[in-house]
Amino acid sequence: MKKTTTMKELEKLAVEARKMAYAPYSKYKVGAALLADDGNIYTGCNVENSSYGITICAERTAVAKAVSDGHRKFKAIAVATASSPPGPPCGICRQTLAEFSPDLDVILVNTRGEKRRTKLSKLYPDHFDARHLESAKRGRRK
């Protein structure tokens, strides 16, 4: 956990977090740095497992660390990969991020210095959320 708000620092922390990734199966290492609304930054890396379904992505690792520390609102996330162009969060990660900050700033970087900035709402429009659950509850017949 570190206090800062610069996007450059967020990118750098994501690249550093990528180095900690455990990806012996896919070899696709990912690092993430998530900026909470109070300036705290939470990093994460992907942790694979031979039972692929229990693999956890870097973005969800960062979210879990932040949430377990009491944070629920986020300003930005940097995601670092080696792919060109830089790889975006997967669908599960997009849904997880949208749970807390649907209009999150997303910075995609790679190990070659390529960078792309976007919004989560652009990467993941019309996300599923609590409104859908509440609507379904109201629509049930008794």
N, C-alpha and C. Protein backbone atom coordinates (compact mmCIF):
# COMPACT_ATOMS: atom_id res chain seq x y z
N MET A 1 0.85 -1.18 0.00
CA MET A 1 0.00 0.00 0.00
C MET A 1 0.90 1.24 0.00
N LYS A 2 0.60 2.18 -0.87
CA LYS A 2 1.43 3.36 -1.01
C LYS A 2 0.55 4.53 -1.41
N LYS A 3 0.81 5.70 -0.84
CA LYS A 3 0.02 6.88 -1.20
C LYS A 3 0.70 7.65 -2.32
N THR A 4 -0.04 7.84 -3.42
CA THR A 4 0.41 8.65 -4.54
C THR A 4 -0.75 8.79 -5.51
N THR A 5 -0.68 9.75 -6.40
CA THR A 5 -1.78 9.90 -7.35
C THR A 5 -1.29 10.05 -8.78
N THR A 6 0.00 9.94 -9.03
CA THR A 6 0.47 10.13 -10.39
C THR A 6 0.24 8.88 -11.23
N MET A 7 -0.22 9.09 -12.46
CA MET A 7 -0.47 7.97 -13.35
C MET A 7 0.84 7.27 -13.73
N LYS A 8 1.91 8.04 -13.84
CA LYS A 8 3.22 7.47 -14.17
C LYS A 8 3.64 6.48 -13.07
N GLU A 9 3.43 6.84 -11.84
CA GLU A 9 3.77 5.96 -10.71
C GLU A 9 2.88 4.72 -10.73
N LEU A 10 1.62 4.89 -11.06
CA LEU A 10 0.69 3.76 -11.15
C LEU A 10 1.17 2.76 -12.21
N GLU A 11 1.56 3.29 -13.36
CA GLU A 11 2.08 2.43 -14.43
C GLU A 11 3.33 1.68 -13.98
N LYS A 12 4.23 2.39 -13.33
CA LYS A 12 5.49 1.80 -12.86
C LYS A 12 5.22 0.67 -11.85
N LEU A 13 4.27 0.91 -10.95
CA LEU A 13 3.94 -0.11 -9.95
C LEU A 13 3.30 -1.34 -10.59
N ALA A 14 2.51 -1.15 -11.64
CA ALA A 14 1.91 -2.29 -12.35
C ALA A 14 2.99 -3.12 -13.03
N VAL A 15 3.96 -2.46 -13.64
CA VAL A 15 5.06 -3.16 -14.29
C VAL A 15 5.87 -3.95 -13.25
N GLU A 16 6.10 -3.34 -12.09
CA GLU A 16 6.83 -4.02 -11.02
C GLU A 16 6.03 -5.21 -10.48
N ALA A 17 4.73 -5.04 -10.31
CA ALA A 17 3.88 -6.12 -9.81
C ALA A 17 3.88 -7.31 -10.77
N ARG A 18 3.97 -7.03 -12.06
CA ARG A 18 4.00 -8.08 -13.08
C ARG A 18 5.16 -9.05 -12.84
N LYS A 19 6.27 -8.53 -12.33
CA LYS A 19 7.46 -9.36 -12.08
C LYS A 19 7.19 -10.45 -11.03
N MET A 20 6.18 -10.23 -10.19
CA MET A 20 5.85 -11.19 -9.13
C MET A 20 4.86 -12.26 -9.59
N ALA A 21 4.34 -12.15 -10.80
CA ALA A 21 3.32 -13.07 -11.31
C ALA A 21 3.80 -14.52 -11.28
N TYR A 22 2.85 -15.39 -11.00
CA TYR A 22 3.09 -16.84 -11.04
C TYR A 22 2.27 -17.37 -12.21
N ALA A 23 2.95 -17.55 -13.36
CA ALA A 23 2.25 -17.95 -14.58
C ALA A 23 3.01 -19.07 -15.30
N PRO A 24 3.19 -20.23 -14.63
CA PRO A 24 3.97 -21.30 -15.24
C PRO A 24 3.25 -22.00 -16.41
N TYR A 25 1.95 -21.84 -16.54
CA TYR A 25 1.19 -22.55 -17.56
C TYR A 25 0.99 -21.69 -18.81
N SER A 26 0.47 -20.50 -18.65
CA SER A 26 0.22 -19.63 -19.80
C SER A 26 1.45 -18.82 -20.18
N LYS A 27 2.33 -18.57 -19.23
CA LYS A 27 3.49 -17.70 -19.41
C LYS A 27 3.07 -16.25 -19.65
N TYR A 28 1.80 -15.94 -19.41
CA TYR A 28 1.26 -14.59 -19.62
C TYR A 28 1.20 -13.88 -18.27
N LYS A 29 2.27 -13.16 -17.97
CA LYS A 29 2.36 -12.47 -16.69
C LYS A 29 1.65 -11.12 -16.77
N VAL A 30 0.91 -10.81 -15.71
CA VAL A 30 0.16 -9.56 -15.64
C VAL A 30 0.38 -8.93 -14.28
N GLY A 31 0.53 -7.61 -14.28
CA GLY A 31 0.61 -6.84 -13.04
C GLY A 31 -0.45 -5.76 -13.06
N ALA A 32 -0.92 -5.38 -11.90
CA ALA A 32 -1.93 -4.32 -11.81
C ALA A 32 -1.62 -3.42 -10.62
N ALA A 33 -1.98 -2.16 -10.78
CA ALA A 33 -1.89 -1.20 -9.68
C ALA A 33 -3.20 -0.41 -9.68
N LEU A 34 -3.91 -0.49 -8.57
CA LEU A 34 -5.25 0.08 -8.43
C LEU A 34 -5.19 1.28 -7.49
N LEU A 35 -5.65 2.43 -7.98
CA LEU A 35 -5.64 3.66 -7.21
C LEU A 35 -6.99 3.86 -6.53
N ALA A 36 -6.99 3.82 -5.20
CA ALA A 36 -8.22 4.05 -4.44
C ALA A 36 -8.50 5.55 -4.39
N ASP A 37 -9.75 5.90 -4.06
CA ASP A 37 -10.14 7.31 -4.07
C ASP A 37 -9.40 8.16 -3.05
N ASP A 38 -8.79 7.54 -2.03
CA ASP A 38 -8.04 8.30 -1.03
C ASP A 38 -6.54 8.39 -1.35
N GLY A 39 -6.13 7.86 -2.50
CA GLY A 39 -4.72 7.93 -2.90
C GLY A 39 -3.92 6.68 -2.63
N ASN A 40 -4.46 5.74 -1.87
CA ASN A 40 -3.75 4.48 -1.64
C ASN A 40 -3.70 3.67 -2.94
N ILE A 41 -2.60 2.97 -3.13
CA ILE A 41 -2.45 2.11 -4.30
C ILE A 41 -2.27 0.67 -3.84
N TYR A 42 -3.01 -0.21 -4.51
CA TYR A 42 -2.94 -1.64 -4.22
C TYR A 42 -2.47 -2.36 -5.48
N THR A 43 -1.45 -3.17 -5.33
CA THR A 43 -0.92 -3.90 -6.48
C THR A 43 -1.37 -5.35 -6.44
N GLY A 44 -1.29 -5.97 -7.59
CA GLY A 44 -1.62 -7.39 -7.69
C GLY A 44 -0.95 -8.00 -8.90
N CYS A 45 -0.81 -9.30 -8.88
CA CYS A 45 -0.28 -10.04 -10.03
C CYS A 45 -1.15 -11.27 -10.22
N ASN A 46 -1.07 -11.86 -11.41
CA ASN A 46 -1.84 -13.07 -11.63
C ASN A 46 -1.16 -14.25 -10.94
N VAL A 47 -1.99 -15.15 -10.44
CA VAL A 47 -1.52 -16.36 -9.76
C VAL A 47 -2.26 -17.53 -10.39
N GLU A 48 -1.54 -18.26 -11.25
CA GLU A 48 -2.15 -19.39 -11.95
C GLU A 48 -2.14 -20.64 -11.07
N ASN A 49 -2.94 -21.60 -11.52
CA ASN A 49 -3.03 -22.88 -10.85
C ASN A 49 -3.23 -23.94 -11.92
N SER A 50 -2.74 -25.14 -11.67
CA SER A 50 -2.91 -26.21 -12.66
C SER A 50 -4.39 -26.55 -12.86
N SER A 51 -5.22 -26.22 -11.88
CA SER A 51 -6.67 -26.30 -12.05
C SER A 51 -7.10 -24.89 -12.48
N TYR A 52 -7.09 -24.65 -13.78
CA TYR A 52 -7.21 -23.30 -14.33
C TYR A 52 -8.33 -22.46 -13.73
N GLY A 53 -9.43 -23.07 -13.38
CA GLY A 53 -10.58 -22.32 -12.88
C GLY A 53 -10.32 -21.55 -11.60
N ILE A 54 -9.31 -21.92 -10.84
CA ILE A 54 -9.04 -21.18 -9.60
C ILE A 54 -7.90 -20.18 -9.74
N THR A 55 -7.46 -19.96 -10.96
CA THR A 55 -6.47 -18.92 -11.23
C THR A 55 -7.09 -17.57 -10.89
N ILE A 56 -6.30 -16.68 -10.31
CA ILE A 56 -6.79 -15.33 -10.03
C ILE A 56 -5.95 -14.32 -10.82
N CYS A 57 -6.63 -13.38 -11.42
CA CYS A 57 -5.98 -12.37 -12.25
C CYS A 57 -5.39 -11.26 -11.39
N ALA A 58 -4.47 -10.52 -11.98
CA ALA A 58 -3.81 -9.42 -11.28
C ALA A 58 -4.80 -8.35 -10.81
N GLU A 59 -5.75 -8.02 -11.67
CA GLU A 59 -6.70 -6.97 -11.33
C GLU A 59 -7.57 -7.37 -10.13
N ARG A 60 -8.02 -8.63 -10.12
CA ARG A 60 -8.84 -9.09 -9.00
C ARG A 60 -8.02 -9.23 -7.72
N THR A 61 -6.73 -9.56 -7.85
CA THR A 61 -5.86 -9.59 -6.67
C THR A 61 -5.79 -8.20 -6.06
N ALA A 62 -5.58 -7.18 -6.89
CA ALA A 62 -5.50 -5.80 -6.40
C ALA A 62 -6.82 -5.37 -5.76
N VAL A 63 -7.94 -5.70 -6.40
CA VAL A 63 -9.25 -5.35 -5.84
C VAL A 63 -9.46 -6.03 -4.49
N ALA A 64 -9.13 -7.31 -4.39
CA ALA A 64 -9.32 -8.03 -3.13
C ALA A 64 -8.47 -7.42 -2.01
N LYS A 65 -7.25 -7.03 -2.33
CA LYS A 65 -6.40 -6.39 -1.33
C LYS A 65 -7.00 -5.07 -0.86
N ALA A 66 -7.50 -4.28 -1.82
CA ALA A 66 -8.08 -2.98 -1.49
C ALA A 66 -9.36 -3.13 -0.67
N VAL A 67 -10.23 -4.02 -1.11
CA VAL A 67 -11.50 -4.23 -0.40
C VAL A 67 -11.25 -4.75 1.01
N SER A 68 -10.29 -5.65 1.14
CA SER A 68 -10.00 -6.20 2.48
C SER A 68 -9.38 -5.14 3.39
N ASP A 69 -8.93 -4.04 2.81
CA ASP A 69 -8.39 -2.93 3.59
C ASP A 69 -9.44 -1.82 3.75
N GLY A 70 -10.68 -2.08 3.31
CA GLY A 70 -11.77 -1.15 3.55
C GLY A 70 -12.10 -0.20 2.41
N HIS A 71 -11.47 -0.36 1.25
CA HIS A 71 -11.73 0.54 0.13
C HIS A 71 -12.78 -0.02 -0.82
N ARG A 72 -13.66 0.87 -1.30
CA ARG A 72 -14.74 0.46 -2.19
C ARG A 72 -14.85 1.34 -3.44
N LYS A 73 -14.12 2.45 -3.48
CA LYS A 73 -14.17 3.36 -4.62
C LYS A 73 -12.76 3.56 -5.15
N PHE A 74 -12.67 3.51 -6.49
CA PHE A 74 -11.37 3.58 -7.13
C PHE A 74 -11.36 4.60 -8.26
N LYS A 75 -10.20 5.21 -8.46
CA LYS A 75 -10.04 6.23 -9.49
C LYS A 75 -9.47 5.67 -10.78
N ALA A 76 -8.48 4.79 -10.66
CA ALA A 76 -7.78 4.31 -11.85
C ALA A 76 -7.12 2.97 -11.58
N ILE A 77 -6.85 2.26 -12.66
CA ILE A 77 -6.07 1.03 -12.59
C ILE A 77 -5.10 1.02 -13.77
N ALA A 78 -3.88 0.60 -13.49
CA ALA A 78 -2.90 0.36 -14.55
C ALA A 78 -2.71 -1.15 -14.63
N VAL A 79 -2.69 -1.66 -15.85
CA VAL A 79 -2.51 -3.09 -16.09
C VAL A 79 -1.30 -3.26 -17.01
N ALA A 80 -0.34 -4.05 -16.56
CA ALA A 80 0.90 -4.25 -17.32
C ALA A 80 1.00 -5.68 -17.84
N THR A 81 1.29 -5.80 -19.14
CA THR A 81 1.49 -7.09 -19.79
C THR A 81 2.73 -6.98 -20.68
N ALA A 82 3.10 -8.07 -21.33
CA ALA A 82 4.17 -8.03 -22.32
C ALA A 82 3.60 -7.96 -23.73
N SER A 83 2.31 -8.14 -23.89
CA SER A 83 1.71 -8.19 -25.23
C SER A 83 1.68 -6.82 -25.90
N SER A 84 1.68 -6.85 -27.22
CA SER A 84 1.60 -5.63 -28.00
C SER A 84 0.45 -5.77 -29.00
N PRO A 85 -0.54 -4.88 -28.90
CA PRO A 85 -0.68 -3.80 -27.95
C PRO A 85 -0.91 -4.32 -26.54
N PRO A 86 -0.78 -3.45 -25.53
CA PRO A 86 -0.97 -3.89 -24.15
C PRO A 86 -2.34 -4.54 -23.96
N GLY A 87 -2.37 -5.64 -23.22
CA GLY A 87 -3.60 -6.40 -23.02
C GLY A 87 -4.55 -5.77 -22.02
N PRO A 88 -5.85 -5.79 -22.33
CA PRO A 88 -6.86 -5.25 -21.41
C PRO A 88 -7.27 -6.30 -20.37
N PRO A 89 -8.00 -5.88 -19.35
CA PRO A 89 -8.53 -6.84 -18.37
C PRO A 89 -9.49 -7.83 -19.04
N CYS A 90 -9.52 -9.06 -18.54
CA CYS A 90 -10.45 -10.07 -19.05
C CYS A 90 -11.87 -9.72 -18.60
N GLY A 91 -12.83 -10.47 -19.06
CA GLY A 91 -14.23 -10.21 -18.73
C GLY A 91 -14.54 -10.29 -17.25
N ILE A 92 -14.00 -11.29 -16.57
CA ILE A 92 -14.26 -11.41 -15.13
C ILE A 92 -13.69 -10.21 -14.39
N CYS A 93 -12.52 -9.77 -14.79
CA CYS A 93 -11.91 -8.60 -14.15
C CYS A 93 -12.71 -7.33 -14.44
N ARG A 94 -13.21 -7.21 -15.67
CA ARG A 94 -14.03 -6.04 -16.01
C ARG A 94 -15.28 -6.00 -15.14
N GLN A 95 -15.92 -7.15 -14.94
CA GLN A 95 -17.11 -7.20 -14.09
C GLN A 95 -16.75 -6.87 -12.64
N THR A 96 -15.64 -7.38 -12.16
CA THR A 96 -15.20 -7.11 -10.79
C THR A 96 -14.94 -5.62 -10.60
N LEU A 97 -14.22 -5.01 -11.52
CA LEU A 97 -13.93 -3.58 -11.43
C LEU A 97 -15.21 -2.75 -11.53
N ALA A 98 -16.14 -3.15 -12.40
CA ALA A 98 -17.39 -2.42 -12.58
C ALA A 98 -18.26 -2.47 -11.32
N GLU A 99 -18.12 -3.50 -10.53
CA GLU A 99 -18.86 -3.60 -9.26
C GLU A 99 -18.59 -2.38 -8.37
N PHE A 100 -17.39 -1.87 -8.44
CA PHE A 100 -16.98 -0.78 -7.55
C PHE A 100 -16.87 0.58 -8.26
N SER A 101 -16.40 0.60 -9.48
CA SER A 101 -16.15 1.87 -10.18
C SER A 101 -16.37 1.70 -11.69
N PRO A 102 -17.63 1.75 -12.14
CA PRO A 102 -17.92 1.48 -13.54
C PRO A 102 -17.29 2.45 -14.54
N ASP A 103 -16.90 3.64 -14.09
CA ASP A 103 -16.29 4.60 -15.01
C ASP A 103 -14.80 4.80 -14.71
N LEU A 104 -14.17 3.78 -14.20
CA LEU A 104 -12.76 3.79 -13.81
C LEU A 104 -11.85 4.15 -14.98
N ASP A 105 -10.81 4.96 -14.72
CA ASP A 105 -9.77 5.20 -15.71
C ASP A 105 -8.92 3.93 -15.81
N VAL A 106 -8.62 3.49 -17.02
CA VAL A 106 -7.83 2.28 -17.24
C VAL A 106 -6.61 2.65 -18.09
N ILE A 107 -5.45 2.30 -17.58
CA ILE A 107 -4.20 2.53 -18.30
C ILE A 107 -3.60 1.18 -18.61
N LEU A 108 -3.43 0.90 -19.89
CA LEU A 108 -2.85 -0.37 -20.32
C LEU A 108 -1.42 -0.09 -20.78
N VAL A 109 -0.47 -0.81 -20.20
CA VAL A 109 0.94 -0.62 -20.54
C VAL A 109 1.57 -1.97 -20.84
N ASN A 110 2.71 -1.92 -21.54
CA ASN A 110 3.45 -3.16 -21.72
C ASN A 110 4.92 -2.95 -21.40
N THR A 111 5.67 -4.00 -21.47
CA THR A 111 7.08 -3.95 -21.10
C THR A 111 7.93 -3.19 -22.11
N ARG A 112 7.35 -2.84 -23.26
CA ARG A 112 8.07 -2.08 -24.30
C ARG A 112 7.81 -0.58 -24.21
N GLY A 113 6.99 -0.19 -23.25
CA GLY A 113 6.67 1.23 -23.09
C GLY A 113 5.44 1.69 -23.85
N GLU A 114 4.77 0.78 -24.55
CA GLU A 114 3.52 1.17 -25.22
C GLU A 114 2.45 1.41 -24.16
N LYS A 115 1.54 2.32 -24.46
CA LYS A 115 0.53 2.69 -23.48
C LYS A 115 -0.77 3.07 -24.16
N ARG A 116 -1.86 2.76 -23.50
CA ARG A 116 -3.19 3.15 -23.99
C ARG A 116 -4.04 3.51 -22.78
N ARG A 117 -4.72 4.64 -22.86
CA ARG A 117 -5.63 5.05 -21.78
C ARG A 117 -7.06 4.96 -22.29
N THR A 118 -7.95 4.47 -21.41
CA THR A 118 -9.36 4.36 -21.77
C THR A 118 -10.17 4.41 -20.48
N LYS A 119 -11.44 4.15 -20.60
CA LYS A 119 -12.35 4.08 -19.45
C LYS A 119 -12.92 2.67 -19.38
N LEU A 120 -13.17 2.19 -18.18
CA LEU A 120 -13.78 0.88 -18.03
C LEU A 120 -15.15 0.86 -18.71
N SER A 121 -15.87 1.96 -18.63
CA SER A 121 -17.19 2.03 -19.26
C SER A 121 -17.12 1.86 -20.78
N LYS A 122 -15.99 2.18 -21.37
CA LYS A 122 -15.80 1.97 -22.81
C LYS A 122 -15.44 0.51 -23.09
N LEU A 123 -14.59 -0.07 -22.22
CA LEU A 123 -14.20 -1.47 -22.38
C LEU A 123 -15.34 -2.43 -22.04
N TYR A 124 -16.23 -1.97 -21.14
CA TYR A 124 -17.27 -2.86 -20.61
C TYR A 124 -18.58 -2.08 -20.44
N PRO A 125 -19.21 -1.72 -21.56
CA PRO A 125 -20.46 -0.96 -21.47
C PRO A 125 -21.62 -1.84 -20.99
N ASP A 126 -22.60 -1.21 -20.39
CA ASP A 126 -23.83 -1.89 -19.98
C ASP A 126 -23.54 -3.10 -19.10
N HIS A 127 -22.75 -2.89 -18.07
CA HIS A 127 -22.38 -3.99 -17.18
C HIS A 127 -23.55 -4.43 -16.29
N PHE A 128 -23.49 -5.65 -15.84
CA PHE A 128 -24.47 -6.21 -14.91
C PHE A 128 -24.20 -5.64 -13.54
N ASP A 129 -25.28 -5.21 -12.84
CA ASP A 129 -25.08 -4.68 -11.48
C ASP A 129 -26.32 -4.90 -10.62
N ALA A 130 -26.30 -4.32 -9.45
CA ALA A 130 -27.37 -4.52 -8.47
C ALA A 130 -28.75 -4.10 -9.00
N ARG A 131 -28.78 -3.15 -9.92
CA ARG A 131 -30.08 -2.73 -10.50
C ARG A 131 -30.79 -3.91 -11.14
N HIS A 132 -30.05 -4.77 -11.79
CA HIS A 132 -30.64 -5.93 -12.44
C HIS A 132 -31.21 -6.90 -11.41
N LEU A 133 -30.51 -7.08 -10.33
CA LEU A 133 -30.98 -7.98 -9.28
C LEU A 133 -32.25 -7.44 -8.62
N GLU A 134 -32.25 -6.14 -8.35
CA GLU A 134 -33.43 -5.53 -7.72
C GLU A 134 -34.64 -5.59 -8.65
N SER A 135 -34.42 -5.35 -9.92
CA SER A 135 -35.50 -5.41 -10.89
C SER A 135 -36.10 -6.82 -10.96
N ALA A 136 -35.24 -7.81 -10.91
CA ALA A 136 -35.72 -9.21 -10.95
C ALA A 136 -36.53 -9.53 -9.70
N LYS A 137 -36.11 -9.03 -8.57
CA LYS A 137 -36.84 -9.29 -7.31
C LYS A 137 -38.24 -8.67 -7.39
N ARG A 138 -38.34 -7.46 -7.91
CA ARG A 138 -39.63 -6.79 -8.03
C ARG A 138 -40.55 -7.49 -9.02
N GLY A 139 -39.96 -8.11 -10.02
CA GLY A 139 -40.74 -8.76 -11.08
C GLY A 139 -41.18 -10.18 -10.77
N ARG A 140 -40.72 -10.76 -9.66
CA ARG A 140 -41.08 -12.15 -9.32
C ARG A 140 -42.55 -12.25 -8.92
N ARG A 141 -43.15 -13.35 -9.31
CA ARG A 141 -44.52 -13.61 -8.88
C ARG A 141 -44.47 -14.41 -7.59
N LYS A 142 -45.39 -14.15 -6.73
CA LYS A 142 -45.42 -14.85 -5.44
C LYS A 142 -46.29 -16.05 -5.49
